[in-house]
Amino acid sequence: MRANAFICLIATIAFLHPAVYAADEADAIVGQWVTSKGEARFDISESKGKYNGKIVWLKEPKYPPGDEEAGKPVRDRKNPDESKRDRPIIGLELLKGLTYAERNTWKDGTIYNADDGKTYRCLATLKTPDKLHLRGYIGISLVGATTVWTRYKEPETSRKEQPKEGEKK
């Protein structure tokens, strides 16, 4: 009898704990995310019930030596629409229109792959508070590829001891 009461108590505490609810809210994907290879950082935000993501940082913001555009800022040069090929990648909204479905899943969005210039349907699943699985696909989600992004955490900086009031810096 005591074991059953203890199990019920633990289950109730776990069910009522705020962290359990936080992970299942629509805004749980809002924030900055690092791509699987660490080459880019996206900022996902919400607007009118839709979740969109734009690139805010690139590991290599300029084309490398040996590239025909070496030293120039990376741009959307593989876009099938020639009029969009001069757009800088930083600031470009590549993730568009995700809507919260349920149970840490967002659907009905699109993701643009600047590497191949193609746009794919997108499904996002928050597996843990810091791991976002994005599935890009054509037609049905069974035919596609999944990438895992990690929530960006601001690096800890070494902080020097601040002088006390009245002391010289």
N, C-alpha and C. Protein backbone atom coordinates (compact mmCIF):
# COMPACT_ATOMS: atom_id res chain seq x y z
N MET A 1 0.82 -1.19 0.00
CA MET A 1 0.00 0.00 0.00
C MET A 1 0.87 1.26 0.00
N ARG A 2 1.89 1.27 0.86
CA ARG A 2 2.77 2.44 0.92
C ARG A 2 3.49 2.65 -0.40
N ALA A 3 3.90 1.57 -1.05
CA ALA A 3 4.60 1.68 -2.33
C ALA A 3 3.70 2.34 -3.37
N ASN A 4 2.43 1.96 -3.41
CA ASN A 4 1.49 2.56 -4.36
C ASN A 4 1.30 4.04 -4.07
N ALA A 5 1.18 4.40 -2.80
CA ALA A 5 1.01 5.81 -2.43
C ALA A 5 2.24 6.61 -2.81
N PHE A 6 3.42 6.02 -2.60
CA PHE A 6 4.67 6.71 -2.95
C PHE A 6 4.76 6.92 -4.47
N ILE A 7 4.41 5.91 -5.22
CA ILE A 7 4.43 6.02 -6.69
C ILE A 7 3.45 7.09 -7.15
N CYS A 8 2.27 7.13 -6.56
CA CYS A 8 1.28 8.15 -6.92
C CYS A 8 1.79 9.55 -6.58
N LEU A 9 2.45 9.69 -5.43
CA LEU A 9 3.00 10.98 -5.02
C LEU A 9 4.07 11.45 -6.01
N ILE A 10 4.98 10.56 -6.38
CA ILE A 10 6.04 10.90 -7.34
C ILE A 10 5.43 11.27 -8.70
N ALA A 11 4.46 10.50 -9.14
CA ALA A 11 3.81 10.79 -10.43
C ALA A 11 3.11 12.15 -10.40
N THR A 12 2.46 12.46 -9.28
CA THR A 12 1.78 13.75 -9.15
C THR A 12 2.77 14.90 -9.17
N ILE A 13 3.87 14.77 -8.45
CA ILE A 13 4.89 15.81 -8.43
C ILE A 13 5.47 16.01 -9.82
N ALA A 14 5.78 14.91 -10.51
CA ALA A 14 6.33 15.01 -11.86
C ALA A 14 5.33 15.67 -12.81
N PHE A 15 4.06 15.33 -12.67
CA PHE A 15 3.03 15.88 -13.54
C PHE A 15 2.84 17.37 -13.30
N LEU A 16 2.93 17.79 -12.07
CA LEU A 16 2.69 19.19 -11.73
C LEU A 16 3.93 20.07 -11.86
N HIS A 17 5.09 19.48 -12.04
CA HIS A 17 6.33 20.26 -12.11
C HIS A 17 6.32 21.17 -13.35
N PRO A 18 6.64 22.46 -13.21
CA PRO A 18 6.59 23.40 -14.33
C PRO A 18 7.47 23.00 -15.51
N ALA A 19 8.59 22.36 -15.28
CA ALA A 19 9.49 21.99 -16.38
C ALA A 19 8.81 21.02 -17.33
N VAL A 20 7.92 20.19 -16.83
CA VAL A 20 7.20 19.25 -17.67
C VAL A 20 6.32 20.02 -18.65
N TYR A 21 5.66 21.06 -18.14
CA TYR A 21 4.81 21.86 -19.02
C TYR A 21 5.62 22.69 -20.00
N ALA A 22 6.72 23.25 -19.55
CA ALA A 22 7.52 24.15 -20.39
C ALA A 22 7.98 23.48 -21.67
N ALA A 23 8.33 22.22 -21.60
CA ALA A 23 8.83 21.52 -22.78
C ALA A 23 7.73 21.25 -23.80
N ASP A 24 6.47 21.33 -23.38
CA ASP A 24 5.38 21.01 -24.29
C ASP A 24 4.62 22.25 -24.74
N GLU A 25 5.23 23.41 -24.62
CA GLU A 25 4.58 24.64 -25.06
C GLU A 25 5.04 25.00 -26.46
N ALA A 26 4.19 25.70 -27.16
CA ALA A 26 4.49 26.09 -28.53
C ALA A 26 5.77 26.91 -28.64
N ASP A 27 6.03 27.78 -27.70
CA ASP A 27 7.20 28.66 -27.76
C ASP A 27 8.50 27.99 -27.33
N ALA A 28 8.46 26.71 -27.07
CA ALA A 28 9.66 26.01 -26.59
C ALA A 28 10.79 26.04 -27.62
N ILE A 29 10.51 26.26 -28.89
CA ILE A 29 11.58 26.29 -29.90
C ILE A 29 12.12 27.71 -30.14
N VAL A 30 11.50 28.69 -29.50
CA VAL A 30 11.97 30.06 -29.68
C VAL A 30 13.36 30.20 -29.07
N GLY A 31 14.25 30.85 -29.79
CA GLY A 31 15.62 31.06 -29.31
C GLY A 31 16.62 30.76 -30.41
N GLN A 32 17.87 30.68 -30.02
CA GLN A 32 18.93 30.44 -31.00
C GLN A 32 19.37 28.98 -30.97
N TRP A 33 19.64 28.47 -32.18
CA TRP A 33 20.00 27.07 -32.38
C TRP A 33 21.21 26.97 -33.28
N VAL A 34 22.08 26.03 -32.96
CA VAL A 34 23.29 25.78 -33.75
C VAL A 34 23.06 24.55 -34.61
N THR A 35 23.43 24.64 -35.89
CA THR A 35 23.24 23.51 -36.80
C THR A 35 24.11 22.34 -36.38
N SER A 36 23.80 21.17 -36.93
CA SER A 36 24.47 19.93 -36.51
C SER A 36 25.99 19.98 -36.68
N LYS A 37 26.48 20.66 -37.70
CA LYS A 37 27.92 20.74 -37.92
C LYS A 37 28.54 21.99 -37.29
N GLY A 38 27.73 22.81 -36.63
CA GLY A 38 28.24 24.01 -35.98
C GLY A 38 28.63 25.12 -36.95
N GLU A 39 28.12 25.04 -38.17
CA GLU A 39 28.50 26.02 -39.19
C GLU A 39 27.63 27.27 -39.20
N ALA A 40 26.45 27.20 -38.57
CA ALA A 40 25.54 28.34 -38.57
C ALA A 40 24.71 28.35 -37.30
N ARG A 41 24.20 29.54 -36.99
CA ARG A 41 23.30 29.69 -35.85
C ARG A 41 22.03 30.38 -36.34
N PHE A 42 20.90 29.81 -35.98
CA PHE A 42 19.59 30.32 -36.36
C PHE A 42 18.90 30.92 -35.16
N ASP A 43 18.10 31.95 -35.41
CA ASP A 43 17.24 32.51 -34.38
C ASP A 43 15.81 32.21 -34.80
N ILE A 44 15.12 31.41 -33.97
CA ILE A 44 13.73 31.06 -34.25
C ILE A 44 12.85 31.96 -33.41
N SER A 45 11.87 32.57 -34.07
CA SER A 45 10.93 33.45 -33.38
C SER A 45 9.51 33.13 -33.82
N GLU A 46 8.55 33.68 -33.09
CA GLU A 46 7.14 33.45 -33.37
C GLU A 46 6.51 34.75 -33.85
N SER A 47 5.65 34.63 -34.84
CA SER A 47 4.88 35.77 -35.32
C SER A 47 3.52 35.26 -35.79
N LYS A 48 2.46 35.70 -35.11
CA LYS A 48 1.08 35.33 -35.47
C LYS A 48 0.89 33.82 -35.53
N GLY A 49 1.46 33.11 -34.56
CA GLY A 49 1.27 31.67 -34.47
C GLY A 49 2.15 30.84 -35.39
N LYS A 50 3.04 31.50 -36.13
CA LYS A 50 3.96 30.80 -37.04
C LYS A 50 5.38 30.97 -36.49
N TYR A 51 6.18 29.95 -36.68
CA TYR A 51 7.57 29.97 -36.20
C TYR A 51 8.50 30.00 -37.40
N ASN A 52 9.40 30.98 -37.39
CA ASN A 52 10.33 31.21 -38.49
C ASN A 52 11.74 31.32 -37.94
N GLY A 53 12.72 30.96 -38.76
CA GLY A 53 14.10 31.03 -38.32
C GLY A 53 15.00 31.66 -39.35
N LYS A 54 15.86 32.56 -38.89
CA LYS A 54 16.81 33.19 -39.80
C LYS A 54 18.23 32.97 -39.30
N ILE A 55 19.15 33.01 -40.23
CA ILE A 55 20.56 32.84 -39.88
C ILE A 55 21.08 34.14 -39.26
N VAL A 56 21.69 33.99 -38.08
CA VAL A 56 22.24 35.17 -37.40
C VAL A 56 23.76 35.11 -37.27
N TRP A 57 24.35 33.96 -37.59
CA TRP A 57 25.80 33.80 -37.46
C TRP A 57 26.26 32.66 -38.36
N LEU A 58 27.41 32.85 -38.98
CA LEU A 58 28.06 31.80 -39.77
C LEU A 58 29.48 31.62 -39.28
N LYS A 59 29.93 30.39 -39.20
CA LYS A 59 31.31 30.11 -38.81
C LYS A 59 32.27 30.71 -39.83
N GLU A 60 31.89 30.60 -41.10
CA GLU A 60 32.68 31.17 -42.20
C GLU A 60 31.80 32.18 -42.93
N PRO A 61 31.76 33.43 -42.47
CA PRO A 61 30.87 34.41 -43.09
C PRO A 61 31.33 34.91 -44.46
N LYS A 62 32.56 34.57 -44.82
CA LYS A 62 33.08 34.96 -46.13
C LYS A 62 33.55 33.71 -46.86
N TYR A 63 33.53 33.81 -48.20
CA TYR A 63 33.99 32.67 -48.98
C TYR A 63 35.48 32.44 -48.74
N PRO A 64 35.91 31.18 -48.67
CA PRO A 64 37.30 30.84 -48.34
C PRO A 64 38.25 31.05 -49.52
N PRO A 65 39.55 31.08 -49.22
CA PRO A 65 40.53 31.16 -50.31
C PRO A 65 40.31 30.00 -51.28
N GLY A 66 40.50 30.28 -52.55
CA GLY A 66 40.30 29.26 -53.57
C GLY A 66 38.93 29.33 -54.21
N ASP A 67 37.97 29.95 -53.52
CA ASP A 67 36.65 30.12 -54.09
C ASP A 67 36.70 31.30 -55.06
N GLU A 68 35.89 31.27 -56.09
CA GLU A 68 35.89 32.36 -57.07
C GLU A 68 35.49 33.70 -56.45
N GLU A 69 34.84 33.66 -55.28
CA GLU A 69 34.45 34.89 -54.59
C GLU A 69 35.16 35.02 -53.24
N ALA A 70 36.36 34.50 -53.14
CA ALA A 70 37.12 34.48 -51.88
C ALA A 70 37.12 35.87 -51.22
N GLY A 71 36.83 35.86 -49.91
CA GLY A 71 36.86 37.09 -49.14
C GLY A 71 35.56 37.88 -49.14
N LYS A 72 34.64 37.53 -50.01
CA LYS A 72 33.36 38.23 -50.08
C LYS A 72 32.36 37.55 -49.14
N PRO A 73 31.39 38.31 -48.62
CA PRO A 73 30.37 37.71 -47.75
C PRO A 73 29.58 36.62 -48.49
N VAL A 74 29.29 35.56 -47.76
CA VAL A 74 28.52 34.44 -48.32
C VAL A 74 27.12 34.94 -48.67
N ARG A 75 26.67 34.55 -49.86
CA ARG A 75 25.36 34.97 -50.33
C ARG A 75 24.59 33.77 -50.87
N ASP A 76 23.37 34.01 -51.24
CA ASP A 76 22.45 32.96 -51.69
C ASP A 76 22.66 32.65 -53.18
N ARG A 77 23.86 32.32 -53.56
CA ARG A 77 24.21 32.21 -54.98
C ARG A 77 23.66 30.98 -55.69
N LYS A 78 23.10 30.00 -54.96
CA LYS A 78 22.52 28.83 -55.61
C LYS A 78 21.00 28.90 -55.70
N ASN A 79 20.44 30.06 -55.38
CA ASN A 79 19.00 30.23 -55.45
C ASN A 79 18.54 30.09 -56.90
N PRO A 80 17.48 29.31 -57.15
CA PRO A 80 17.01 29.15 -58.53
C PRO A 80 16.48 30.46 -59.12
N ASP A 81 16.10 31.41 -58.28
CA ASP A 81 15.63 32.71 -58.73
C ASP A 81 16.84 33.65 -58.80
N GLU A 82 17.29 33.95 -60.00
CA GLU A 82 18.49 34.77 -60.19
C GLU A 82 18.43 36.10 -59.44
N SER A 83 17.25 36.67 -59.31
CA SER A 83 17.11 37.97 -58.65
C SER A 83 17.42 37.89 -57.15
N LYS A 84 17.47 36.67 -56.59
CA LYS A 84 17.73 36.50 -55.16
C LYS A 84 19.15 36.04 -54.86
N ARG A 85 19.97 35.85 -55.84
CA ARG A 85 21.30 35.29 -55.65
C ARG A 85 22.28 36.24 -54.96
N ASP A 86 21.98 37.51 -54.90
CA ASP A 86 22.88 38.45 -54.23
C ASP A 86 22.52 38.67 -52.77
N ARG A 87 21.47 38.02 -52.29
CA ARG A 87 21.07 38.19 -50.89
C ARG A 87 22.13 37.60 -49.97
N PRO A 88 22.53 38.35 -48.93
CA PRO A 88 23.48 37.77 -47.97
C PRO A 88 22.80 36.64 -47.19
N ILE A 89 23.56 35.61 -46.88
CA ILE A 89 23.01 34.48 -46.11
C ILE A 89 22.70 34.91 -44.68
N ILE A 90 23.58 35.69 -44.08
CA ILE A 90 23.30 36.17 -42.71
C ILE A 90 22.09 37.10 -42.78
N GLY A 91 21.09 36.77 -41.98
CA GLY A 91 19.85 37.53 -41.98
C GLY A 91 18.75 36.90 -42.82
N LEU A 92 19.10 35.90 -43.58
CA LEU A 92 18.13 35.24 -44.46
C LEU A 92 17.23 34.30 -43.66
N GLU A 93 15.93 34.42 -43.88
CA GLU A 93 14.97 33.55 -43.21
C GLU A 93 14.84 32.27 -44.02
N LEU A 94 15.38 31.19 -43.47
CA LEU A 94 15.38 29.91 -44.18
C LEU A 94 14.31 28.95 -43.68
N LEU A 95 13.87 29.15 -42.46
CA LEU A 95 12.85 28.30 -41.84
C LEU A 95 11.58 29.14 -41.75
N LYS A 96 10.50 28.66 -42.37
CA LYS A 96 9.29 29.48 -42.44
C LYS A 96 8.02 28.69 -42.13
N GLY A 97 7.11 29.36 -41.44
CA GLY A 97 5.74 28.91 -41.33
C GLY A 97 5.44 27.69 -40.49
N LEU A 98 6.33 27.31 -39.59
CA LEU A 98 6.02 26.16 -38.74
C LEU A 98 4.86 26.51 -37.80
N THR A 99 3.95 25.58 -37.61
CA THR A 99 2.86 25.76 -36.66
C THR A 99 2.93 24.65 -35.62
N TYR A 100 2.61 25.02 -34.39
CA TYR A 100 2.66 24.02 -33.32
C TYR A 100 1.52 23.04 -33.49
N ALA A 101 1.84 21.75 -33.46
CA ALA A 101 0.83 20.71 -33.59
C ALA A 101 0.44 20.21 -32.21
N GLU A 102 1.35 19.50 -31.60
CA GLU A 102 1.16 18.96 -30.25
C GLU A 102 2.41 18.20 -29.84
N ARG A 103 2.50 17.91 -28.56
CA ARG A 103 3.56 17.08 -28.03
C ARG A 103 4.94 17.41 -28.62
N ASN A 104 5.31 18.67 -28.53
CA ASN A 104 6.64 19.13 -28.95
C ASN A 104 6.90 18.94 -30.44
N THR A 105 5.87 19.08 -31.25
CA THR A 105 5.99 18.92 -32.70
C THR A 105 5.42 20.15 -33.41
N TRP A 106 6.15 20.63 -34.41
CA TRP A 106 5.74 21.76 -35.24
C TRP A 106 5.69 21.23 -36.67
N LYS A 107 4.69 21.64 -37.44
CA LYS A 107 4.51 21.10 -38.79
C LYS A 107 4.13 22.20 -39.77
N ASP A 108 3.94 21.79 -41.01
CA ASP A 108 3.46 22.66 -42.08
C ASP A 108 4.39 23.81 -42.42
N GLY A 109 5.67 23.67 -42.12
CA GLY A 109 6.62 24.71 -42.46
C GLY A 109 7.46 24.32 -43.66
N THR A 110 8.37 25.21 -44.02
CA THR A 110 9.33 24.93 -45.08
C THR A 110 10.72 25.30 -44.59
N ILE A 111 11.71 24.65 -45.18
CA ILE A 111 13.09 24.98 -44.89
C ILE A 111 13.84 25.08 -46.21
N TYR A 112 14.56 26.16 -46.36
CA TYR A 112 15.31 26.41 -47.58
C TYR A 112 16.75 25.98 -47.35
N ASN A 113 17.29 25.19 -48.25
CA ASN A 113 18.67 24.74 -48.16
C ASN A 113 19.50 25.57 -49.14
N ALA A 114 20.24 26.52 -48.60
CA ALA A 114 21.04 27.41 -49.45
C ALA A 114 22.17 26.66 -50.15
N ASP A 115 22.53 25.47 -49.65
CA ASP A 115 23.59 24.70 -50.29
C ASP A 115 23.17 24.14 -51.65
N ASP A 116 21.86 23.85 -51.80
CA ASP A 116 21.40 23.33 -53.09
C ASP A 116 20.34 24.20 -53.74
N GLY A 117 19.93 25.26 -53.04
CA GLY A 117 18.94 26.19 -53.61
C GLY A 117 17.52 25.64 -53.64
N LYS A 118 17.24 24.62 -52.84
CA LYS A 118 15.91 24.01 -52.86
C LYS A 118 15.18 24.25 -51.54
N THR A 119 13.86 24.30 -51.64
CA THR A 119 13.00 24.45 -50.47
C THR A 119 12.27 23.14 -50.24
N TYR A 120 12.25 22.72 -48.98
CA TYR A 120 11.64 21.45 -48.61
C TYR A 120 10.55 21.69 -47.57
N ARG A 121 9.58 20.81 -47.52
CA ARG A 121 8.61 20.85 -46.42
C ARG A 121 9.38 20.50 -45.15
N CYS A 122 8.87 20.96 -44.02
CA CYS A 122 9.62 20.79 -42.78
C CYS A 122 8.72 20.40 -41.62
N LEU A 123 9.25 19.50 -40.82
CA LEU A 123 8.63 19.04 -39.59
C LEU A 123 9.69 19.18 -38.50
N ALA A 124 9.34 19.78 -37.38
CA ALA A 124 10.31 19.96 -36.29
C ALA A 124 9.79 19.27 -35.04
N THR A 125 10.71 18.60 -34.34
CA THR A 125 10.36 17.91 -33.10
C THR A 125 11.40 18.24 -32.05
N LEU A 126 10.93 18.72 -30.92
CA LEU A 126 11.82 19.02 -29.80
C LEU A 126 11.95 17.74 -28.97
N LYS A 127 13.09 17.06 -29.13
CA LYS A 127 13.29 15.78 -28.45
C LYS A 127 13.66 15.98 -26.98
N THR A 128 14.45 17.02 -26.72
CA THR A 128 14.79 17.44 -25.35
C THR A 128 14.75 18.97 -25.39
N PRO A 129 14.82 19.64 -24.26
CA PRO A 129 14.79 21.10 -24.31
C PRO A 129 15.93 21.71 -25.14
N ASP A 130 17.00 20.95 -25.37
CA ASP A 130 18.15 21.49 -26.11
C ASP A 130 18.45 20.78 -27.43
N LYS A 131 17.58 19.88 -27.87
CA LYS A 131 17.80 19.16 -29.14
C LYS A 131 16.55 19.26 -30.01
N LEU A 132 16.71 19.93 -31.15
CA LEU A 132 15.62 20.12 -32.10
C LEU A 132 15.90 19.31 -33.35
N HIS A 133 15.02 18.38 -33.67
CA HIS A 133 15.15 17.55 -34.85
C HIS A 133 14.32 18.18 -35.97
N LEU A 134 14.97 18.51 -37.07
CA LEU A 134 14.30 19.09 -38.23
C LEU A 134 14.33 18.10 -39.37
N ARG A 135 13.17 17.82 -39.91
CA ARG A 135 13.08 16.86 -41.02
C ARG A 135 12.63 17.62 -42.25
N GLY A 136 13.50 17.67 -43.25
CA GLY A 136 13.18 18.26 -44.53
C GLY A 136 12.75 17.15 -45.48
N TYR A 137 11.66 17.37 -46.20
CA TYR A 137 11.17 16.30 -47.06
C TYR A 137 10.39 16.85 -48.25
N ILE A 138 10.19 15.97 -49.21
CA ILE A 138 9.36 16.26 -50.39
C ILE A 138 8.18 15.30 -50.32
N GLY A 139 6.99 15.80 -50.42
CA GLY A 139 5.82 14.93 -50.39
C GLY A 139 5.48 14.48 -48.99
N ILE A 140 5.89 13.27 -48.64
CA ILE A 140 5.60 12.74 -47.29
C ILE A 140 6.89 12.71 -46.47
N SER A 141 6.74 12.84 -45.16
CA SER A 141 7.92 12.96 -44.29
C SER A 141 8.77 11.69 -44.24
N LEU A 142 8.25 10.57 -44.73
CA LEU A 142 9.06 9.35 -44.76
C LEU A 142 10.21 9.47 -45.75
N VAL A 143 10.03 10.33 -46.75
CA VAL A 143 11.06 10.52 -47.77
C VAL A 143 11.74 11.86 -47.49
N GLY A 144 12.86 11.82 -46.78
CA GLY A 144 13.53 13.06 -46.45
C GLY A 144 14.76 12.81 -45.61
N ALA A 145 15.24 13.87 -45.01
CA ALA A 145 16.43 13.78 -44.16
C ALA A 145 16.21 14.60 -42.90
N THR A 146 16.81 14.13 -41.81
CA THR A 146 16.69 14.80 -40.52
C THR A 146 18.05 15.33 -40.09
N THR A 147 18.03 16.52 -39.55
CA THR A 147 19.22 17.10 -38.95
C THR A 147 18.87 17.50 -37.52
N VAL A 148 19.87 17.53 -36.67
CA VAL A 148 19.63 17.87 -35.26
C VAL A 148 20.36 19.16 -34.92
N TRP A 149 19.61 20.13 -34.44
CA TRP A 149 20.19 21.39 -33.99
C TRP A 149 20.24 21.39 -32.46
N THR A 150 21.21 22.10 -31.93
CA THR A 150 21.40 22.20 -30.48
C THR A 150 21.14 23.63 -30.05
N ARG A 151 20.43 23.77 -28.95
CA ARG A 151 20.15 25.11 -28.44
C ARG A 151 21.47 25.82 -28.13
N TYR A 152 21.58 27.05 -28.58
CA TYR A 152 22.79 27.85 -28.36
C TYR A 152 22.82 28.35 -26.93
N LYS A 153 23.96 28.19 -26.33
CA LYS A 153 24.19 28.71 -24.99
C LYS A 153 25.33 29.71 -25.06
N GLU A 154 25.08 30.89 -24.55
CA GLU A 154 26.09 31.94 -24.55
C GLU A 154 27.33 31.42 -23.82
N PRO A 155 28.52 31.54 -24.44
CA PRO A 155 29.73 31.06 -23.77
C PRO A 155 30.01 31.86 -22.50
N GLU A 156 30.48 31.15 -21.53
CA GLU A 156 30.83 31.83 -20.28
C GLU A 156 32.12 32.60 -20.50
N THR A 157 32.11 33.84 -20.11
CA THR A 157 33.31 34.66 -20.27
C THR A 157 33.98 34.80 -18.92
N SER A 158 35.27 34.90 -18.97
CA SER A 158 35.98 35.07 -17.70
C SER A 158 35.73 36.50 -17.24
N ARG A 159 35.24 36.60 -16.05
CA ARG A 159 34.92 37.91 -15.50
C ARG A 159 35.95 38.29 -14.46
N LYS A 160 36.52 39.44 -14.67
CA LYS A 160 37.47 39.94 -13.69
C LYS A 160 36.69 40.51 -12.53
N GLU A 161 37.29 40.43 -11.38
CA GLU A 161 36.63 40.96 -10.20
C GLU A 161 36.42 42.46 -10.38
N GLN A 162 35.20 42.88 -10.20
CA GLN A 162 34.87 44.29 -10.34
C GLN A 162 35.41 45.06 -9.13
N PRO A 163 35.94 46.27 -9.35
CA PRO A 163 36.42 47.05 -8.22
C PRO A 163 35.25 47.45 -7.32
N LYS A 164 35.53 47.53 -6.06
CA LYS A 164 34.50 47.95 -5.11
C LYS A 164 34.30 49.45 -5.28
N GLU A 165 33.16 49.88 -4.82
CA GLU A 165 32.83 51.28 -4.94
C GLU A 165 33.90 52.15 -4.28
N GLY A 166 34.38 53.13 -4.99
CA GLY A 166 35.41 54.03 -4.46
C GLY A 166 36.82 53.61 -4.83
N GLU A 167 37.02 52.34 -5.29
CA GLU A 167 38.35 51.89 -5.68
C GLU A 167 38.62 52.30 -7.11
N LYS A 168 39.89 52.46 -7.45
CA LYS A 168 40.29 52.76 -8.82
C LYS A 168 40.24 51.46 -9.63
N LYS A 169 39.94 51.64 -10.90
CA LYS A 169 39.91 50.48 -11.80
C LYS A 169 41.29 50.15 -12.26
